[in-house]
Amino acid sequence: MVDSDESFDCSLCYNFIGVPVSFKCKHSFCFVCSEQMILRGEECWKCPMCREKFNPYDSKNVYLNVKLLAKIISKEKDKFKDAVKSLAKYRLNLDYKNLICFEYGN
């Protein structure tokens, strides 16, 4: 989730959020962290911040946060371009054998 200072960092990996994916609870994470949680399986289908469960196959539960994306593009255009390039490289080199599951929260 992006703090009020609008640093646009993912709260899981602390990298620039780039392409923000939000869960039904409204917490947002970078595409890579979100994809890792979804691909890992049902034991990871809960928000790492509030632990609310979600079904990734329902577009109301997991979605591209276009409002946040527009804000990121307008304020951090160069960082966004770099993030998209990094995401493309990540997708080409994705190793499905080494997926991670995040467990955060209280």
C-alpha atoms as a PDB file:
ATOM      1  CA  MET A   1       0.000   0.000   0.000  1.00  0.00           C
ATOM      2  CA  VAL A   2       1.332   3.410  -0.852  1.00  0.00           C
ATOM      3  CA  ASP A   3       1.928   5.739   2.089  1.00  0.00           C
ATOM      4  CA  SER A   4       0.601   9.277   2.180  1.00  0.00           C
ATOM      5  CA  ASP A   5       4.075  10.595   1.268  1.00  0.00           C
ATOM      6  CA  GLU A   6       3.575   8.869  -2.103  1.00  0.00           C
ATOM      7  CA  SER A   7       6.890   7.095  -2.250  1.00  0.00           C
ATOM      8  CA  PHE A   8       5.296   4.466  -4.538  1.00  0.00           C
ATOM      9  CA  ASP A   9       7.243   1.597  -2.950  1.00  0.00           C
ATOM     10  CA  CYS A  10       5.876  -1.923  -2.578  1.00  0.00           C
ATOM     11  CA  SER A  11       5.381  -2.757   1.112  1.00  0.00           C
ATOM     12  CA  LEU A  12       6.712  -6.285   0.558  1.00  0.00           C
ATOM     13  CA  CYS A  13       9.875  -5.950  -1.517  1.00  0.00           C
ATOM     14  CA  TYR A  14      10.421  -2.192  -0.946  1.00  0.00           C
ATOM     15  CA  ASN A  15      11.097  -1.688  -4.664  1.00  0.00           C
ATOM     16  CA  PHE A  16       9.300   0.889  -6.793  1.00  0.00           C
ATOM     17  CA  ILE A  17       5.753  -0.428  -7.201  1.00  0.00           C
ATOM     18  CA  GLY A  18       5.713   0.203 -10.982  1.00  0.00           C
ATOM     19  CA  VAL A  19       2.629  -1.765 -11.996  1.00  0.00           C
ATOM     20  CA  PRO A  20       0.316  -1.755  -8.936  1.00  0.00           C
ATOM     21  CA  VAL A  21      -1.931  -4.725  -8.273  1.00  0.00           C
ATOM     22  CA  SER A  22      -4.597  -4.338  -5.596  1.00  0.00           C
ATOM     23  CA  PHE A  23      -6.529  -6.942  -3.659  1.00  0.00           C
ATOM     24  CA  LYS A  24     -10.161  -6.667  -2.580  1.00  0.00           C
ATOM     25  CA  CYS A  25      -9.018  -5.200   0.755  1.00  0.00           C
ATOM     26  CA  LYS A  26      -7.523  -2.246  -1.213  1.00  0.00           C
ATOM     27  CA  HIS A  27      -3.885  -3.003  -0.316  1.00  0.00           C
ATOM     28  CA  SER A  28      -1.585  -2.586  -3.332  1.00  0.00           C
ATOM     29  CA  PHE A  29       1.664  -4.346  -4.167  1.00  0.00           C
ATOM     30  CA  CYS A  30       3.985  -4.533  -7.145  1.00  0.00           C
ATOM     31  CA  PHE A  31       3.067  -6.933  -9.930  1.00  0.00           C
ATOM     32  CA  VAL A  32       5.953  -9.286  -9.127  1.00  0.00           C
ATOM     33  CA  CYS A  33       5.045  -9.739  -5.447  1.00  0.00           C
ATOM     34  CA  SER A  34       1.354 -10.155  -6.312  1.00  0.00           C
ATOM     35  CA  GLU A  35       2.074 -12.720  -8.987  1.00  0.00           C
ATOM     36  CA  GLN A  36       4.382 -14.648  -6.672  1.00  0.00           C
ATOM     37  CA  MET A  37       1.606 -14.923  -4.072  1.00  0.00           C
ATOM     38  CA  ILE A  38      -0.993 -16.004  -6.620  1.00  0.00           C
ATOM     39  CA  LEU A  39       1.200 -18.580  -8.365  1.00  0.00           C
ATOM     40  CA  ARG A  40       2.293 -20.086  -5.077  1.00  0.00           C
ATOM     41  CA  GLY A  41      -1.182 -21.420  -4.407  1.00  0.00           C
ATOM     42  CA  GLU A  42      -4.102 -21.219  -2.029  1.00  0.00           C
ATOM     43  CA  GLU A  43      -1.999 -21.051   1.133  1.00  0.00           C
ATOM     44  CA  CYS A  44      -0.805 -17.631  -0.073  1.00  0.00           C
ATOM     45  CA  TRP A  45      -4.145 -16.255  -1.213  1.00  0.00           C
ATOM     46  CA  LYS A  46      -4.453 -13.749   1.612  1.00  0.00           C
ATOM     47  CA  CYS A  47      -3.275 -10.178   1.869  1.00  0.00           C
ATOM     48  CA  PRO A  48       0.105  -9.988   3.612  1.00  0.00           C
ATOM     49  CA  MET A  49      -0.952  -6.742   5.320  1.00  0.00           C
ATOM     50  CA  CYS A  50      -4.383  -7.596   6.733  1.00  0.00           C
ATOM     51  CA  ARG A  51      -4.594 -11.357   5.982  1.00  0.00           C
ATOM     52  CA  GLU A  52      -7.959 -11.046   4.247  1.00  0.00           C
ATOM     53  CA  LYS A  53      -8.461 -14.027   1.945  1.00  0.00           C
ATOM     54  CA  PHE A  54      -8.980 -13.462  -1.777  1.00  0.00           C
ATOM     55  CA  ASN A  55      -9.732 -15.515  -4.869  1.00  0.00           C
ATOM     56  CA  PRO A  56      -7.311 -14.471  -7.655  1.00  0.00           C
ATOM     57  CA  TYR A  57      -9.679 -15.803 -10.300  1.00  0.00           C
ATOM     58  CA  ASP A  58     -12.261 -13.121  -9.489  1.00  0.00           C
ATOM     59  CA  SER A  59     -11.416  -9.734 -11.038  1.00  0.00           C
ATOM     60  CA  LYS A  60     -13.054  -7.967  -8.074  1.00  0.00           C
ATOM     61  CA  ASN A  61     -10.499  -9.575  -5.751  1.00  0.00           C
ATOM     62  CA  VAL A  62      -7.279  -8.926  -7.677  1.00  0.00           C
ATOM     63  CA  TYR A  63      -6.998  -6.098 -10.185  1.00  0.00           C
ATOM     64  CA  LEU A  64      -4.692  -3.584 -11.801  1.00  0.00           C
ATOM     65  CA  ASN A  65      -5.114  -0.395  -9.783  1.00  0.00           C
ATOM     66  CA  VAL A  66      -5.553   2.048 -12.683  1.00  0.00           C
ATOM     67  CA  LYS A  67      -6.026   5.100 -10.455  1.00  0.00           C
ATOM     68  CA  LEU A  68      -2.732   4.459  -8.693  1.00  0.00           C
ATOM     69  CA  LEU A  69      -1.093   3.586 -12.011  1.00  0.00           C
ATOM     70  CA  ALA A  70      -2.167   6.927 -13.504  1.00  0.00           C
ATOM     71  CA  LYS A  71      -0.760   8.748 -10.482  1.00  0.00           C
ATOM     72  CA  ILE A  72       2.531   6.839 -10.757  1.00  0.00           C
ATOM     73  CA  ILE A  73       2.846   7.599 -14.476  1.00  0.00           C
ATOM     74  CA  SER A  74       2.109  11.286 -13.979  1.00  0.00           C
ATOM     75  CA  LYS A  75       4.561  11.723 -11.094  1.00  0.00           C
ATOM     76  CA  GLU A  76       7.295   9.158 -11.835  1.00  0.00           C
ATOM     77  CA  LYS A  77       7.258   8.610 -15.623  1.00  0.00           C
ATOM     78  CA  ASP A  78      10.935   7.633 -15.962  1.00  0.00           C
ATOM     79  CA  LYS A  79      10.822   5.265 -12.989  1.00  0.00           C
ATOM     80  CA  PHE A  80       7.667   3.721 -14.430  1.00  0.00           C
ATOM     81  CA  LYS A  81       9.342   3.094 -17.798  1.00  0.00           C
ATOM     82  CA  ASP A  82      12.274   1.412 -16.044  1.00  0.00           C
ATOM     83  CA  ALA A  83       9.886  -0.679 -13.934  1.00  0.00           C
ATOM     84  CA  VAL A  84       8.047  -1.904 -17.037  1.00  0.00           C
ATOM     85  CA  LYS A  85      11.349  -2.920 -18.655  1.00  0.00           C
ATOM     86  CA  SER A  86      12.360  -4.782 -15.488  1.00  0.00           C
ATOM     87  CA  LEU A  87       8.970  -6.487 -15.366  1.00  0.00           C
ATOM     88  CA  ALA A  88       9.385  -7.701 -18.947  1.00  0.00           C
ATOM     89  CA  LYS A  89      12.800  -9.178 -18.106  1.00  0.00           C
ATOM     90  CA  TYR A  90      11.374 -10.808 -14.969  1.00  0.00           C
ATOM     91  CA  ARG A  91       8.521 -12.388 -16.940  1.00  0.00           C
ATOM     92  CA  LEU A  92      10.975 -13.817 -19.490  1.00  0.00           C
ATOM     93  CA  ASN A  93      13.116 -15.360 -16.748  1.00  0.00           C
ATOM     94  CA  LEU A  94      10.391 -16.495 -14.326  1.00  0.00           C
ATOM     95  CA  ASP A  95      11.363 -19.700 -12.583  1.00  0.00           C
ATOM     96  CA  TYR A  96       8.135 -21.338 -11.419  1.00  0.00           C
ATOM     97  CA  LYS A  97      10.093 -23.742  -9.204  1.00  0.00           C
ATOM     98  CA  ASN A  98      11.258 -21.031  -6.805  1.00  0.00           C
ATOM     99  CA  LEU A  99       8.105 -19.150  -5.896  1.00  0.00           C
ATOM    100  CA  ILE A 100       7.800 -17.495  -2.513  1.00  0.00           C
ATOM    101  CA  CYS A 101       4.901 -17.034  -0.103  1.00  0.00           C
ATOM    102  CA  PHE A 102       4.722 -13.853   1.965  1.00  0.00           C
ATOM    103  CA  GLU A 103       3.469 -14.063   5.557  1.00  0.00           C
ATOM    104  CA  TYR A 104       3.127 -10.659   7.153  1.00  0.00           C
ATOM    105  CA  GLY A 105       0.700  -8.929   9.456  1.00  0.00           C
ATOM    106  CA  ASN A 106      -0.116  -9.056  13.136  1.00  0.00           C
END
